[in-house]
Protein backbone atom coordinates (compact mmCIF):
# COMPACT_ATOMS: atom_id res chain seq x y z
CA MET A 1 -31.59 -7.60 -57.72
CA GLY A 2 -34.78 -9.09 -57.73
CA LYS A 3 -37.58 -7.76 -54.68
CA THR A 4 -36.87 -10.88 -52.90
CA ASN A 5 -33.33 -10.42 -52.46
CA VAL A 6 -33.70 -7.03 -51.61
CA LEU A 7 -36.09 -7.51 -48.97
CA TYR A 8 -33.88 -10.61 -47.67
CA LEU A 9 -30.50 -8.09 -47.71
CA CYS A 10 -32.97 -5.50 -46.46
CA LEU A 11 -33.73 -7.61 -43.14
CA ILE A 12 -30.07 -9.01 -42.68
CA LEU A 13 -28.81 -5.55 -42.45
CA LEU A 14 -31.33 -4.40 -40.23
CA PHE A 15 -30.89 -7.46 -37.70
CA ALA A 16 -27.31 -7.05 -37.98
CA CYS A 17 -27.92 -3.50 -36.52
CA GLN A 18 -30.16 -4.44 -34.26
CA SER A 19 -27.73 -7.41 -32.99
CA SER A 20 -24.97 -4.88 -32.87
CA PHE A 21 -26.08 -2.91 -30.24
CA ALA A 22 -28.12 -5.96 -28.34
CA TRP A 23 -25.45 -5.69 -25.40
CA ARG A 24 -26.46 -3.02 -22.32
CA ALA A 25 -24.27 -1.61 -20.36
CA GLY A 26 -23.53 0.90 -17.38
CA PHE A 27 -20.56 2.30 -16.12
CA ASP A 28 -19.32 4.68 -12.82
CA SER A 29 -16.38 5.39 -11.02
CA GLN A 30 -15.15 7.01 -7.68
CA PRO A 31 -12.46 8.21 -5.67
CA PHE A 32 -11.90 6.38 -2.24
CA PRO A 33 -12.91 8.33 0.49
CA TYR A 34 -9.94 9.21 2.60
CA THR A 35 -7.43 9.04 0.06
CA GLU A 36 -7.96 12.76 -1.68
CA HIS A 37 -6.31 14.75 1.58
CA PRO A 38 -4.72 12.48 3.92
CA GLU A 39 -1.97 14.90 4.90
CA SER A 40 -4.77 16.85 6.47
CA SER A 41 -7.06 13.78 7.64
CA ASP A 42 -7.63 12.78 11.28
CA LYS A 43 -7.67 9.36 10.06
CA MET A 44 -4.44 7.45 9.39
CA ALA A 45 -4.41 6.62 6.24
CA CYS A 46 -2.47 2.96 5.86
CA MET A 47 -0.10 2.52 2.51
CA ALA A 48 0.06 -1.24 1.49
CA GLY A 49 2.81 -2.95 -0.10
CA TYR A 50 6.38 -3.35 0.91
CA GLY A 51 6.82 -4.62 3.84
CA MET A 52 4.38 -5.35 6.81
CA PHE A 53 1.93 -3.14 9.20
CA CYS A 54 1.47 0.45 8.73
CA TRP A 55 4.92 1.77 8.83
CA ARG A 56 4.37 4.04 5.50
CA GLN A 57 1.40 6.50 5.91
CA ALA A 58 0.26 8.68 2.81
CA THR A 59 1.50 12.09 3.07
CA GLY A 60 -0.43 13.13 -0.08
CA LEU A 61 -2.28 12.35 -3.45
CA HIS A 62 -0.43 12.19 -6.71
CA ASP A 63 -3.23 10.85 -8.68
CA ARG A 64 -7.08 9.66 -8.26
CA ILE A 65 -7.24 5.88 -6.77
CA GLY A 66 -10.70 4.17 -6.26
CA VAL A 67 -13.56 2.10 -8.03
CA GLN A 68 -14.47 1.35 -11.37
CA ALA A 69 -17.68 -0.69 -11.56
CA LEU A 70 -19.23 -1.79 -14.84
CA PHE A 71 -22.32 -3.40 -15.20
CA LEU A 72 -22.92 -6.07 -17.96
CA THR A 73 -26.05 -7.73 -19.61
CA ASP A 74 -26.50 -9.55 -22.80
CA GLU A 75 -29.94 -9.54 -24.67
CA GLU A 76 -31.28 -12.79 -22.71
CA ASP A 77 -30.33 -10.91 -19.21
CA ASP A 78 -27.43 -12.77 -18.25
CA SER A 79 -25.92 -10.27 -16.20
CA LEU A 80 -22.77 -9.63 -14.12
CA PHE A 81 -20.50 -6.77 -12.21
CA LEU A 82 -17.14 -6.05 -13.24
CA ILE A 83 -15.67 -3.56 -10.23
CA SER A 84 -11.84 -2.74 -9.95
CA LEU A 85 -10.72 -1.55 -6.80
CA ASP A 86 -7.20 0.96 -7.22
CA ALA A 87 -5.38 -1.48 -4.07
CA ILE A 88 -3.25 -3.75 -3.69
CA GLY A 89 -5.75 -6.56 -2.74
CA PHE A 90 -9.33 -6.68 -0.71
CA SER A 91 -10.11 -9.05 2.56
CA GLN A 92 -12.47 -11.57 2.14
CA SER A 93 -14.55 -9.46 5.06
CA LEU A 94 -14.59 -6.10 2.88
CA ALA A 95 -15.57 -8.32 -0.35
CA ASP A 96 -18.27 -10.20 1.25
CA LYS A 97 -19.85 -7.08 2.78
CA VAL A 98 -20.03 -5.37 -0.70
CA ARG A 99 -21.49 -8.21 -2.55
CA LYS A 100 -24.44 -8.86 0.10
CA ARG A 101 -25.12 -4.83 -0.02
CA LEU A 102 -25.36 -4.85 -3.67
CA SER A 103 -27.16 -8.11 -4.17
CA THR A 104 -29.64 -7.06 -1.78
CA ALA A 105 -29.98 -3.83 -3.66
CA THR A 106 -29.60 -4.98 -7.13
CA LEU A 107 -31.34 -8.82 -6.86
CA LEU A 108 -27.75 -9.61 -9.04
CA PRO A 109 -26.61 -13.20 -7.47
CA GLN A 110 -23.46 -12.17 -5.02
CA GLU A 111 -21.09 -14.65 -7.51
CA ASN A 112 -22.18 -12.80 -10.03
CA ILE A 113 -20.50 -9.55 -8.54
CA ILE A 114 -17.11 -10.07 -9.44
CA LEU A 115 -14.29 -7.91 -7.30
CA THR A 116 -10.98 -7.61 -9.03
CA ALA A 117 -7.61 -5.33 -7.59
CA THR A 118 -5.16 -3.34 -9.96
CA HIS A 119 -1.93 -4.20 -7.76
CA THR A 120 -1.22 -1.06 -7.12
CA HIS A 121 1.40 -0.70 -4.35
CA SER A 122 0.50 2.90 -3.39
CA SER A 123 -2.85 2.64 -2.34
CA ILE A 124 -4.91 2.48 1.03
CA ASP A 125 -4.58 -0.82 2.80
CA LEU A 126 -8.31 -2.82 1.74
CA GLN A 127 -6.43 -6.10 2.22
CA GLY A 128 -5.50 -6.07 6.23
CA LEU A 129 -1.52 -6.60 5.89
CA TRP A 130 -0.33 -2.97 5.90
CA GLY A 131 -2.75 -1.55 9.00
CA GLY A 132 -5.84 -2.00 7.27
CA LEU A 133 -8.90 0.40 7.93
CA ASN A 134 -10.76 1.34 10.68
CA LYS A 135 -14.44 1.03 11.01
CA GLN A 136 -15.04 4.40 9.57
CA GLN A 137 -12.60 4.28 6.36
CA GLU A 138 -14.27 0.60 6.32
CA LYS A 139 -17.63 1.91 6.14
CA ALA A 140 -17.38 4.62 3.68
CA ILE A 141 -15.07 2.74 1.11
CA ILE A 142 -17.54 -0.09 1.34
CA GLU A 143 -20.51 2.72 0.85
CA ALA A 144 -18.43 4.18 -1.81
CA ILE A 145 -18.12 0.71 -3.91
CA VAL A 146 -21.95 0.21 -3.41
CA GLU A 147 -23.00 3.44 -4.69
CA THR A 148 -20.90 3.44 -8.02
CA ALA A 149 -22.04 -0.02 -8.51
CA ARG A 150 -25.22 0.70 -8.02
CA ASN A 151 -24.92 3.84 -10.17
CA ALA A 152 -23.40 1.69 -13.40
CA TRP A 153 -26.73 -0.80 -12.71
CA GLY A 154 -29.15 2.16 -13.01
CA ASN A 155 -27.78 4.16 -15.79
CA VAL A 156 -27.29 1.11 -18.57
CA GLN A 157 -27.80 1.89 -22.10
CA LYS A 158 -27.51 -0.52 -25.44
CA VAL A 159 -24.02 -0.70 -26.63
CA SER A 160 -22.14 -2.81 -28.55
CA VAL A 161 -18.83 -4.86 -27.71
CA HIS A 162 -15.67 -5.07 -29.81
CA ALA A 163 -12.90 -6.92 -29.02
CA SER A 164 -9.06 -6.77 -30.16
CA THR A 165 -5.63 -7.92 -28.73
CA SER A 166 -1.54 -6.79 -29.13
CA ASP A 167 0.94 -9.54 -28.50
CA LYS A 168 3.69 -6.64 -27.83
CA LEU A 169 3.43 -6.47 -23.53
CA THR A 170 7.08 -5.81 -23.07
CA GLY A 171 8.02 -7.00 -19.21
CA TYR A 172 10.54 -8.88 -16.67
CA ASN A 173 10.01 -12.08 -15.32
CA ARG A 174 11.62 -12.03 -12.48
CA ARG A 175 11.57 -15.28 -11.47
CA THR A 176 13.31 -16.74 -14.71
CA ASN A 177 14.99 -13.80 -15.03
CA ASN A 178 14.38 -12.51 -18.39
CA SER A 179 11.47 -11.63 -20.94
CA ASN A 180 9.45 -14.42 -20.50
CA ILE A 181 5.97 -13.01 -20.07
CA ILE A 182 2.96 -13.42 -21.32
CA THR A 183 2.71 -10.27 -24.06
CA GLN A 184 -0.85 -10.35 -24.65
CA VAL A 185 -3.03 -7.23 -23.85
CA LEU A 186 -6.61 -7.77 -24.57
CA SER A 187 -9.38 -4.76 -24.94
CA LEU A 188 -13.09 -4.67 -24.91
CA GLN A 189 -14.25 -1.55 -26.10
CA LEU A 190 -17.88 -0.86 -25.40
CA ARG A 191 -19.72 1.75 -27.70
CA ASN A 192 -23.25 3.64 -27.90
CA GLU A 193 -25.94 3.16 -30.49
CA GLN A 194 -24.09 6.28 -32.07
CA ASP A 195 -20.88 3.90 -32.14
CA LYS A 196 -19.02 6.56 -29.78
CA PRO A 197 -16.93 4.97 -27.41
CA PHE A 198 -18.46 3.98 -24.07
CA VAL A 199 -15.77 2.44 -22.01
CA THR A 200 -12.51 0.63 -22.97
CA LEU A 201 -11.81 -2.11 -20.68
CA PHE A 202 -8.09 -4.03 -21.22
CA THR A 203 -5.96 -6.45 -19.12
CA LEU A 204 -2.74 -7.51 -19.02
CA GLY A 205 -0.48 -9.05 -16.93
CA SER A 206 2.34 -6.76 -14.70
CA HIS A 207 2.95 -5.54 -11.42
CA PRO A 208 2.56 -2.07 -10.64
CA VAL A 209 5.37 -1.23 -8.77
CA ILE A 210 7.24 1.25 -10.87
CA LEU A 211 6.99 3.48 -7.56
CA ASP A 212 8.71 1.88 -4.84
CA LYS A 213 8.56 2.09 -1.04
CA GLY A 214 9.98 5.47 -0.90
CA ASN A 215 6.92 6.55 -2.45
CA LYS A 216 4.32 7.73 0.21
CA LYS A 217 2.09 9.52 -2.27
CA PHE A 218 -1.30 7.81 -3.38
CA SER A 219 -1.10 6.30 -6.73
CA SER A 220 -1.78 4.20 -9.22
CA ASP A 221 1.33 3.92 -10.93
CA TRP A 222 1.72 2.62 -14.44
CA VAL A 223 -1.83 2.25 -14.66
CA HIS A 224 -3.05 5.75 -14.32
CA TYR A 225 -0.87 6.77 -17.11
CA ALA A 226 -2.41 4.10 -19.24
CA ARG A 227 -5.92 4.83 -18.25
CA ALA A 228 -5.37 8.77 -18.57
CA GLU A 229 -3.88 8.43 -22.08
CA LEU A 230 -6.88 6.46 -23.21
CA LYS A 231 -9.63 8.65 -21.97
CA GLN A 232 -7.27 11.59 -23.37
CA LYS A 233 -7.35 10.06 -26.65
CA LEU A 234 -10.64 8.33 -26.48
CA ASN A 235 -12.82 10.74 -24.75
CA VAL A 236 -14.22 8.02 -22.41
CA PRO A 237 -12.89 6.39 -19.10
CA ALA A 238 -10.48 3.15 -19.21
CA MET A 239 -11.08 0.40 -16.94
CA PHE A 240 -8.20 -2.32 -16.12
CA ILE A 241 -7.87 -5.58 -14.82
CA ASN A 242 -4.78 -7.17 -13.86
CA GLY A 243 -3.96 -10.42 -15.46
CA VAL A 244 -0.88 -13.14 -15.36
CA LEU A 245 1.16 -10.65 -13.11
CA GLY A 246 2.69 -12.98 -10.53
CA ASP A 247 6.33 -12.85 -11.58
CA VAL A 248 6.23 -9.88 -14.06
CA LEU A 249 7.71 -6.40 -13.62
CA PRO A 250 7.38 -3.86 -15.95
CA ALA A 251 11.28 -3.64 -16.18
CA HIS A 252 14.39 -4.39 -14.91
CA GLY A 253 16.27 -2.21 -13.35
CA ASN A 254 14.64 0.50 -14.40
CA PRO A 255 13.99 4.25 -12.83
CA ARG A 256 11.45 4.06 -10.06
CA THR A 257 10.38 7.25 -10.37
CA PHE A 258 6.79 9.00 -11.85
CA ALA A 259 8.11 9.77 -14.97
CA PHE A 260 9.08 6.06 -15.89
CA ALA A 261 5.43 5.04 -14.68
CA GLU A 262 4.33 7.63 -17.41
CA LYS A 263 6.20 6.24 -20.36
CA TYR A 264 5.42 2.88 -19.37
CA GLY A 265 1.70 3.06 -18.99
CA ASN A 266 1.74 5.39 -21.97
CA ASP A 267 3.80 2.95 -24.44
CA ILE A 268 0.59 0.39 -23.44
CA ALA A 269 -1.86 2.64 -23.78
CA LYS A 270 -0.37 2.84 -27.72
CA LEU A 271 -0.47 -0.75 -27.70
CA ILE A 272 -4.67 -0.75 -26.75
CA LEU A 273 -4.94 2.40 -29.33
CA ASN A 274 -3.08 0.26 -32.56
CA SER A 275 -5.17 -3.15 -31.80
CA LEU A 276 -8.48 -1.20 -31.83
CA ASP A 277 -8.17 -0.40 -35.46
CA ASN A 278 -8.30 -4.36 -35.91
CA SER A 279 -11.19 -5.17 -32.92
CA LYS A 280 -13.88 -7.12 -34.07
CA PRO A 281 -17.86 -6.63 -32.73
CA LEU A 282 -18.90 -9.98 -30.20
CA LYS A 283 -22.30 -11.41 -30.22
CA SER A 284 -24.59 -10.36 -27.35
CA SER A 285 -23.76 -13.84 -25.20
CA LEU A 286 -22.68 -13.72 -22.11
CA SER A 287 -22.17 -17.11 -20.02
CA TYR A 288 -21.06 -17.41 -16.81
CA CYS A 289 -19.67 -20.55 -14.85
CA THR A 290 -18.83 -20.07 -11.41
CA GLU A 291 -17.96 -22.40 -8.37
CA VAL A 292 -16.39 -22.25 -4.73
CA ILE A 293 -12.89 -23.81 -4.03
CA SER A 294 -12.17 -25.53 -0.37
CA ASP A 295 -8.44 -25.53 0.37
CA GLN A 296 -6.34 -26.28 3.75
CA ALA A 297 -3.76 -23.44 3.98
CA ASP A 298 -0.21 -24.46 4.81
CA ASN A 299 1.94 -21.45 4.68
CA TYR A 300 1.68 -21.55 8.65
CA SER A 301 3.42 -17.82 9.33
CA LEU A 302 0.98 -16.34 6.80
CA VAL A 303 -2.42 -17.94 8.60
CA MET A 304 -0.82 -16.95 11.93
CA THR A 305 -0.41 -13.30 10.68
CA THR A 306 -3.47 -12.71 8.98
CA LYS A 307 -5.13 -14.13 12.59
CA ALA A 308 -3.42 -11.81 14.98
CA LEU A 309 -3.89 -8.80 12.72
CA GLN A 310 -7.57 -9.46 12.61
CA HIS A 311 -8.85 -7.07 9.86
CA GLY A 312 -10.51 -10.44 7.76
CA THR A 313 -8.00 -10.57 5.11
CA VAL A 314 -9.00 -14.31 5.26
CA ASP A 315 -12.47 -15.69 6.70
CA TRP A 316 -10.88 -18.75 8.82
CA GLY A 317 -14.22 -19.60 10.24
CA ASP A 318 -12.86 -20.27 13.60
CA PRO A 319 -9.52 -19.28 16.11
CA PHE A 320 -8.07 -23.05 14.80
CA SER A 321 -8.92 -23.50 11.50
CA ARG A 322 -6.66 -23.74 8.12
CA SER A 323 -9.52 -24.15 6.00
CA TYR A 324 -10.65 -21.09 3.89
CA LYS A 325 -12.61 -20.81 0.43
CA THR A 326 -12.75 -18.89 -2.50
CA ARG A 327 -14.00 -18.82 -6.08
CA THR A 328 -12.92 -19.61 -9.47
CA SER A 329 -14.69 -18.36 -13.02
CA VAL A 330 -15.59 -18.87 -16.18
CA ILE A 331 -16.72 -15.66 -18.31
CA VAL A 332 -17.65 -16.18 -22.37
CA LEU A 333 -18.39 -13.13 -24.35
CA ASP A 334 -19.26 -14.36 -27.54
CA ASP A 335 -16.02 -16.58 -28.18
CA ILE A 336 -13.75 -14.69 -25.81
CA VAL A 337 -12.95 -16.98 -22.56
CA LEU A 338 -12.14 -14.98 -19.55
CA LEU A 339 -10.89 -17.39 -16.63
CA THR A 340 -10.53 -15.78 -12.94
CA THR A 341 -8.12 -16.79 -10.35
CA PRO A 342 -8.15 -15.44 -6.53
CA GLY A 343 -4.65 -14.01 -6.46
CA GLU A 344 -1.42 -13.69 -8.71
CA PRO A 345 -0.86 -16.59 -10.92
CA VAL A 346 2.92 -16.25 -12.02
CA THR A 347 3.79 -16.71 -15.90
CA ALA A 348 3.88 -20.49 -15.22
CA LEU A 349 0.59 -20.99 -14.50
CA GLY A 350 -0.75 -18.18 -16.73
CA ILE A 351 0.44 -20.48 -19.53
CA GLN A 352 -1.29 -23.85 -18.29
CA LEU A 353 -4.60 -22.28 -18.34
CA MET A 354 -4.48 -20.56 -21.38
CA GLY A 355 -3.25 -23.83 -23.12
CA LEU A 356 -6.87 -25.30 -21.60
CA ILE A 357 -8.68 -23.52 -24.25
CA ARG A 358 -7.75 -24.15 -26.71
CA TYR A 359 -10.31 -23.15 -29.94
CA ASN A 360 -10.95 -19.62 -28.38
CA PRO A 361 -9.31 -16.19 -27.78
CA VAL A 362 -8.54 -16.52 -24.05
CA ALA A 363 -7.21 -14.06 -21.00
CA VAL A 364 -6.43 -15.26 -17.25
CA LEU A 365 -7.97 -12.57 -14.50
CA GLY A 366 -5.47 -12.40 -11.71
CA LEU A 367 -6.92 -11.35 -8.52
CA THR A 368 -10.77 -11.65 -9.06
CA HIS A 369 -12.78 -12.48 -6.67
CA ASP A 370 -10.02 -12.57 -3.64
CA SER A 371 -6.52 -11.65 -2.82
CA LEU A 372 -5.01 -15.41 -1.74
CA GLY A 373 -1.31 -14.14 -2.53
CA TYR A 374 0.30 -16.00 -5.41
CA LEU A 375 -0.47 -18.72 -7.50
CA ILE A 376 2.55 -21.08 -8.73
CA PRO A 377 2.33 -24.83 -10.33
CA GLU A 378 3.83 -27.06 -7.44
CA LYS A 379 6.35 -28.11 -10.03
CA ASN A 380 7.46 -25.16 -10.19
CA ILE A 381 7.48 -24.28 -6.06
CA ARG A 382 11.19 -23.41 -4.93
CA THR A 383 12.73 -23.61 -1.63
CA ASP A 384 14.32 -20.30 -1.69
CA GLY A 385 11.58 -18.48 -3.68
CA ASP A 386 10.10 -14.98 -2.70
CA GLU A 387 6.86 -15.33 -4.04
CA GLU A 388 6.78 -18.70 -1.87
CA LYS A 389 6.46 -17.06 1.08
CA LEU A 390 3.22 -15.35 0.43
CA MET A 391 1.61 -18.56 -1.19
CA ILE A 392 -1.36 -19.48 1.06
CA SER A 393 -1.24 -23.25 0.25
CA HIS A 394 0.92 -25.40 -2.13
CA ALA A 395 -2.19 -27.19 -3.79
CA LEU A 396 -4.48 -23.69 -4.24
CA SER A 397 -2.77 -23.36 -8.02
CA ARG A 398 -3.85 -26.98 -9.11
CA LYS A 399 -7.30 -26.84 -7.72
CA VAL A 400 -7.80 -23.79 -9.17
CA ALA A 401 -6.69 -25.12 -12.69
CA ARG A 402 -8.88 -28.08 -12.21
CA SER A 403 -11.77 -26.12 -11.48
CA LEU A 404 -11.40 -23.79 -14.24
CA GLU A 405 -11.39 -26.91 -16.56
CA HIS A 406 -14.47 -28.37 -14.97
CA LEU A 407 -16.35 -24.80 -15.12
CA ALA A 408 -14.99 -24.33 -19.29
CA ARG A 409 -16.67 -27.80 -20.36
CA LYS A 410 -19.69 -26.29 -18.33
CA CYS A 411 -20.02 -23.19 -20.02
CA ARG A 412 -19.48 -25.45 -23.12
CA ILE A 413 -16.52 -24.40 -24.07
CA ARG A 414 -14.52 -27.00 -26.34
CA ILE A 415 -11.24 -27.93 -24.76
CA ASP A 416 -10.32 -31.04 -26.39
């Protein structure tokens, strides 16, 4: 081999080594205040999920529930926060306060601060439909979320990002009464400059509802076991973002026990661990396109309930308005496309949205930016459906799909 070719090869290898760690990231996590010892707290801790109002108060803690924050930036300094909350959802009021404070602290635009909920039905009520938070609780939890994100932002390091997928997720579709679900599990593993795992982010669509209304201990349900198994095997934290979860249960007729939650979570961890052998590195390129959607609520019962509770679940503007706003986004990491939705998309909508992106790997993120109930395509809406009772608007899913198609084009994703 000639000297010129040797030099050329060395330059290629040097560029490859440098570019593979051209991402920068920081991560942190901490528990929610008032959740570690709810049985001895003088502040009542209402558990969200199942029924309404604060009829279920926590009597203990099974596993830690809290906040996980990932700050990610590419070599062009395009940046965003991904903040995962162990909660059934979160109010627009709480999210707005978090974004404002964090934007002031980091100078990152508020729209680049992406909150999402794991949707566990065994956590403290951040959404405001099951008793909500008192002022002291809200202040402390907002402080914990902001502090966690600031810690992630303040401790960035060079990383590489590696993507892998599995198509073997199992679950039960409660609307179609079969196993017709989106079986994809997408993992993004961040590695440090020693090529050791730094944090593993994974997303899939499934309700964390193995634990039923009889459980009164705080828990992130099967999500806890999946994260714990990944941490045990990889020796680094694992972070979860839920996906197309609207009509997906882990199983049908399963035991509603911690033992079954452990089995399901461990099975998911195994899928992720097996997929990492075939992961591919992502170039340091982050594109982010986002916009606000305006809509008019037509679920009068839900409108009246959220207004009566006055916990900021939805920002209605004034007492007589049914108008509200939400946000959608398209996140592009190299060639991986992530579509955010502000609620719980059912499988039919997930298939529709993923079908927009024909030439790139794609995943749909649920309960992201907002927690506005179920997202159901208008042609799939039923008069007797359970999900429809918690659907804020017939038109929202159509507006979300239209917005994401527009944003994909704006982010220069080929969709034709």
